[in-house]
Amino acid sequence: MEERVSDTVKVTRDGAIALITLDRPEKLNALNEAVRQQLMEAVDALAADDEVRVAILHGAGEKAFVAGADVAEFAARTAQEQREVYQRRRVYDAVAAFPKPLIAAVHGFCLGGGNELALACDVRVADRTARFGQAEIRIGLIPGAGGTQRLARLVGPGQALRIALSGDFIDAEEAHRIGLVEVLTDEGKHLEAARELAGRMARWSPVSLRLIKESVRAAMEMPLSAGLAYERELFLAAFASEDGREGVRAFVEKRTPEFRGR
């Protein structure tokens, strides 16, 4: 079932899986204010939809996932105006806070703000046409939405510095080797692979999916001892849930569990 959120963002539902399409191919799906706002609205709606367990984010057209922020839009802003923009809710934070698994299906250019959008997702699946980079240094700026922070946590500070300081693009094979991409596919197979992975996730309890994501995200912010304590508390929350009890009973009774998200 397809639901067009706006002229630049559409959502297609297939059972428990939702596909979010950034549909601005003539601009290489560059993130302007309208796209950012509409994407936030889409993820908010999917977060509240109990029928959706996993979501996939991709870009329309043949050339790009997202080629970056729309530079023409912010070029005329003063520093104070840009600061005020940053004080509002940001699409990268909304994507990162999405409580369900979110897979970025990447092809073509994934640059600047586009790479930061992919970094805010949980898993990145890319085909061999994908090109990644933080090109802000080319215009005298630095990444401002995770391109030094989430990137460093994912691939390590050395690789993050190499990418951000050089402004060079890296291909899909290199991105996969350093851990920026988790799943590498042949050209044109990224959406198929993302759907297959989403289907494997969507089989399980929505409670477990949410708590696992919450626990792993916490690992990037907490010391190990605090993280282990937090993990134990989330395990107990899963254990006490209806899905947790159903899963254990089904295992003992040698049957397929029926998870209901409670």
Protein backbone atom coordinates (compact mmCIF):
# COMPACT_ATOMS: atom_id res chain seq x y z
CA MET A 1 0.00 0.00 0.00
CA GLU A 2 1.48 3.35 -1.03
CA GLU A 3 0.90 6.58 0.87
CA ARG A 4 2.48 9.75 -0.45
CA VAL A 5 3.36 11.94 2.51
CA SER A 6 4.29 14.80 0.18
CA ASP A 7 5.63 15.51 -3.28
CA THR A 8 9.13 14.47 -2.14
CA VAL A 9 8.53 11.68 0.40
CA LYS A 10 6.42 8.58 -0.08
CA VAL A 11 5.77 5.57 2.13
CA THR A 12 4.91 2.08 0.90
CA ARG A 13 3.77 -0.59 3.35
CA ASP A 14 4.19 -4.31 2.73
CA GLY A 15 2.92 -6.15 5.77
CA ALA A 16 5.14 -5.29 8.72
CA ILE A 17 7.76 -3.54 6.54
CA ALA A 18 7.58 0.11 5.45
CA LEU A 19 9.61 1.58 2.60
CA ILE A 20 10.34 5.31 2.82
CA THR A 21 11.36 6.84 -0.51
CA LEU A 22 13.03 10.24 -0.82
CA ASP A 23 11.64 11.28 -4.17
CA ARG A 24 13.61 14.26 -5.45
CA PRO A 25 15.80 12.58 -8.08
CA GLU A 26 16.22 15.69 -10.22
CA LYS A 27 18.16 17.20 -7.27
CA LEU A 28 19.85 13.89 -6.37
CA ASN A 29 17.49 13.74 -3.35
CA ALA A 30 19.33 16.63 -1.70
CA LEU A 31 17.95 17.50 1.72
CA ASN A 32 16.19 20.84 1.71
CA GLU A 33 13.90 22.08 4.47
CA ALA A 34 10.79 20.56 2.88
CA VAL A 35 12.35 17.10 2.53
CA ARG A 36 13.68 17.17 6.09
CA GLN A 37 10.30 18.17 7.52
CA GLN A 38 8.39 15.63 5.46
CA LEU A 39 10.80 12.83 6.37
CA MET A 40 10.34 13.63 10.06
CA GLU A 41 6.59 13.45 9.61
CA ALA A 42 6.94 10.08 7.88
CA VAL A 43 9.09 8.51 10.60
CA ASP A 44 6.81 9.90 13.32
CA ALA A 45 3.79 8.31 11.66
CA LEU A 46 5.56 4.96 11.24
CA ALA A 47 6.76 5.02 14.85
CA ALA A 48 3.12 5.26 15.95
CA ASP A 49 1.92 2.53 13.57
CA ASP A 50 1.79 -0.77 15.48
CA GLU A 51 1.51 -2.74 12.23
CA VAL A 52 4.99 -1.62 11.13
CA ARG A 53 7.93 -3.45 12.69
CA VAL A 54 10.84 -2.46 10.40
CA ALA A 55 11.45 0.40 7.95
CA ILE A 56 13.75 0.92 4.97
CA LEU A 57 14.95 4.32 3.73
CA HIS A 58 16.14 4.82 0.15
CA GLY A 59 16.47 7.46 -2.54
CA ALA A 60 14.59 7.56 -5.84
CA GLY A 61 16.32 7.67 -9.21
CA GLU A 62 19.44 6.02 -10.53
CA LYS A 63 22.13 8.38 -9.26
CA ALA A 64 21.83 8.93 -5.52
CA PHE A 65 20.65 7.88 -2.11
CA VAL A 66 21.10 11.48 -0.95
CA ALA A 67 23.79 13.70 -2.44
CA GLY A 68 23.90 15.96 0.61
CA ALA A 69 22.19 19.00 2.03
CA ASP A 70 20.80 21.60 -0.35
CA VAL A 71 23.70 24.09 -0.22
CA ALA A 72 21.75 26.73 -2.12
CA GLU A 73 19.20 26.81 0.67
CA PHE A 74 21.59 27.63 3.51
CA ALA A 75 24.08 29.73 1.51
CA ALA A 76 22.17 32.94 2.23
CA ARG A 77 21.78 32.36 5.98
CA THR A 78 23.70 34.32 8.56
CA ALA A 79 25.54 32.46 11.32
CA GLN A 80 22.78 33.40 13.76
CA GLU A 81 20.08 32.13 11.41
CA GLN A 82 21.94 28.84 11.05
CA ARG A 83 22.22 28.56 14.83
CA GLU A 84 18.46 29.03 15.11
CA VAL A 85 17.92 26.29 12.54
CA TYR A 86 20.11 23.98 14.64
CA GLN A 87 18.02 24.70 17.74
CA ARG A 88 14.96 23.15 16.09
CA ARG A 89 14.34 19.42 15.90
CA ARG A 90 16.61 17.91 13.26
CA VAL A 91 15.85 15.14 10.82
CA TYR A 92 19.03 13.24 11.72
CA ASP A 93 17.97 13.09 15.36
CA ALA A 94 14.44 12.07 14.41
CA VAL A 95 15.78 9.22 12.28
CA ALA A 96 18.21 8.12 15.01
CA ALA A 97 15.41 8.19 17.60
CA PHE A 98 13.05 6.07 15.47
CA PRO A 99 12.22 3.22 17.88
CA LYS A 100 12.09 0.43 15.27
CA PRO A 101 14.87 -1.02 13.11
CA LEU A 102 15.64 1.33 10.20
CA ILE A 103 17.74 0.14 7.26
CA ALA A 104 19.38 2.54 4.80
CA ALA A 105 19.36 1.06 1.27
CA VAL A 106 22.09 3.00 -0.52
CA HIS A 107 23.04 3.38 -4.15
CA GLY A 108 24.93 6.11 -5.97
CA PHE A 109 25.97 9.24 -4.12
CA CYS A 110 25.71 9.20 -0.33
CA LEU A 111 27.52 12.39 0.59
CA GLY A 112 27.62 14.98 3.34
CA GLY A 113 24.20 15.18 4.91
CA GLY A 114 23.23 12.08 2.97
CA ASN A 115 25.98 10.06 4.62
CA GLU A 116 24.97 11.52 7.97
CA LEU A 117 21.38 10.40 7.30
CA ALA A 118 22.61 6.88 6.55
CA LEU A 119 24.71 6.98 9.74
CA ALA A 120 21.57 7.79 11.75
CA CYS A 121 20.00 4.55 10.50
CA ASP A 122 20.69 1.23 12.19
CA VAL A 123 22.08 -0.80 9.29
CA ARG A 124 23.41 0.26 5.90
CA VAL A 125 22.93 -1.94 2.82
CA ALA A 126 24.70 -0.67 -0.30
CA ASP A 127 25.15 -1.76 -3.87
CA ARG A 128 28.45 -1.42 -5.72
CA THR A 129 27.52 1.94 -7.26
CA ALA A 130 27.46 3.63 -3.85
CA ARG A 131 29.92 6.44 -3.12
CA PHE A 132 30.31 7.78 0.40
CA GLY A 133 31.94 10.91 1.73
CA GLN A 134 31.92 13.95 3.97
CA ALA A 135 32.65 16.71 1.50
CA GLU A 136 31.98 19.70 3.76
CA ILE A 137 35.68 20.53 3.90
CA ARG A 138 35.56 21.26 0.16
CA ILE A 139 33.46 24.36 0.89
CA GLY A 140 35.27 25.46 4.05
CA LEU A 141 32.88 23.80 6.50
CA ILE A 142 32.81 20.68 8.67
CA PRO A 143 30.18 17.97 9.11
CA GLY A 144 27.42 19.16 11.42
CA ALA A 145 25.00 16.25 11.74
CA GLY A 146 27.03 13.23 12.80
CA GLY A 147 29.80 13.11 10.21
CA THR A 148 32.45 13.39 12.90
CA GLN A 149 30.55 11.82 15.79
CA ARG A 150 28.46 8.89 14.52
CA LEU A 151 31.03 8.19 11.82
CA ALA A 152 33.89 7.97 14.33
CA ARG A 153 31.88 5.62 16.52
CA LEU A 154 31.10 3.39 13.57
CA VAL A 155 34.45 3.18 11.75
CA GLY A 156 36.90 4.51 14.35
CA PRO A 157 38.49 7.95 14.67
CA GLY A 158 41.29 7.29 12.20
CA GLN A 159 38.99 6.38 9.32
CA ALA A 160 36.57 9.18 10.22
CA LEU A 161 39.42 11.68 10.14
CA ARG A 162 40.69 10.34 6.82
CA ILE A 163 37.24 10.70 5.25
CA ALA A 164 36.36 14.10 6.72
CA LEU A 165 39.79 15.75 6.36
CA SER A 166 40.41 14.63 2.78
CA GLY A 167 36.94 15.29 1.43
CA ASP A 168 37.50 12.24 -0.79
CA PHE A 169 34.75 9.83 -1.75
CA ILE A 170 35.13 6.14 -0.96
CA ASP A 171 33.52 3.38 -2.98
CA ALA A 172 31.15 0.73 -1.67
CA GLU A 173 33.84 -1.93 -1.32
CA GLU A 174 36.00 0.36 0.81
CA ALA A 175 32.98 1.43 2.88
CA HIS A 176 32.18 -2.22 3.51
CA ARG A 177 35.78 -3.03 4.44
CA ILE A 178 35.97 -0.30 7.10
CA GLY A 179 32.52 -1.01 8.55
CA LEU A 180 30.54 1.93 7.20
CA VAL A 181 28.41 -0.53 5.20
CA GLU A 182 27.19 -3.74 6.81
CA VAL A 183 25.80 -5.46 3.69
CA LEU A 184 27.31 -5.09 0.20
CA THR A 185 25.34 -6.20 -2.85
CA ASP A 186 25.69 -6.30 -6.60
CA GLU A 187 24.53 -3.26 -8.56
CA GLY A 188 20.80 -2.70 -8.29
CA LYS A 189 20.29 -5.33 -5.60
CA HIS A 190 20.38 -3.06 -2.55
CA LEU A 191 16.63 -2.76 -2.11
CA GLU A 192 16.12 -6.49 -2.54
CA ALA A 193 18.77 -7.20 0.08
CA ALA A 194 17.33 -4.58 2.44
CA ARG A 195 13.85 -6.09 2.12
CA GLU A 196 15.23 -9.57 2.77
CA LEU A 197 17.04 -8.37 5.90
CA ALA A 198 13.96 -6.42 7.05
CA GLY A 199 11.87 -9.57 6.65
CA ARG A 200 14.25 -11.53 8.87
CA MET A 201 13.93 -8.85 11.54
CA ALA A 202 10.16 -8.42 11.25
CA ARG A 203 9.56 -12.06 12.26
CA TRP A 204 10.42 -11.27 15.85
CA SER A 205 8.80 -9.49 18.76
CA PRO A 206 8.47 -5.72 18.33
CA VAL A 207 9.32 -5.44 22.02
CA SER A 208 12.62 -7.27 21.53
CA LEU A 209 13.41 -5.30 18.38
CA ARG A 210 12.92 -2.01 20.20
CA LEU A 211 14.85 -3.02 23.30
CA ILE A 212 17.82 -4.43 21.37
CA LYS A 213 18.08 -1.22 19.37
CA GLU A 214 17.83 0.85 22.54
CA SER A 215 20.53 -1.22 24.26
CA VAL A 216 23.01 -1.11 21.36
CA ARG A 217 22.51 2.62 20.92
CA ALA A 218 23.20 3.07 24.64
CA ALA A 219 26.53 1.25 24.17
CA MET A 220 27.78 4.23 22.15
CA GLU A 221 27.11 6.60 25.04
CA MET A 222 27.75 4.63 28.26
CA PRO A 223 30.81 3.19 29.98
CA LEU A 224 30.83 -0.62 29.82
CA SER A 225 29.75 -1.18 33.43
CA ALA A 226 26.80 1.19 33.06
CA GLY A 227 25.91 -0.32 29.71
CA LEU A 228 25.89 -3.85 31.10
CA ALA A 229 23.62 -2.75 33.95
CA TYR A 230 21.30 -1.04 31.47
CA GLU A 231 21.27 -4.16 29.27
CA ARG A 232 20.21 -6.26 32.27
CA GLU A 233 17.30 -3.92 32.97
CA LEU A 234 16.17 -4.10 29.36
CA PHE A 235 16.45 -7.90 29.46
CA LEU A 236 14.16 -7.90 32.49
CA ALA A 237 11.70 -5.67 30.63
CA ALA A 238 11.67 -8.14 27.73
CA PHE A 239 11.35 -11.05 30.16
CA ALA A 240 8.31 -9.46 31.79
CA SER A 241 6.59 -8.65 28.48
CA GLU A 242 3.78 -10.73 27.01
CA ASP A 243 5.97 -11.46 23.99
CA GLY A 244 8.77 -12.65 26.26
CA ARG A 245 6.49 -15.07 28.05
CA GLU A 246 5.01 -16.24 24.75
CA GLY A 247 8.43 -16.82 23.23
CA VAL A 248 9.62 -18.92 26.16
CA ARG A 249 6.40 -20.96 26.22
CA ALA A 250 6.58 -21.54 22.48
CA PHE A 251 10.16 -22.76 22.75
CA VAL A 252 9.26 -25.22 25.51
CA GLU A 253 6.17 -26.37 23.61
CA LYS A 254 8.13 -26.67 20.33
CA ARG A 255 5.86 -24.36 18.33
CA THR A 256 6.18 -21.06 16.47
CA PRO A 257 5.61 -18.08 18.78
CA GLU A 258 2.91 -15.51 18.06
CA PHE A 259 4.37 -12.14 18.93
CA ARG A 260 1.93 -9.26 19.41
CA GLY A 261 4.19 -6.41 20.42
CA ARG A 262 3.17 -6.34 24.07
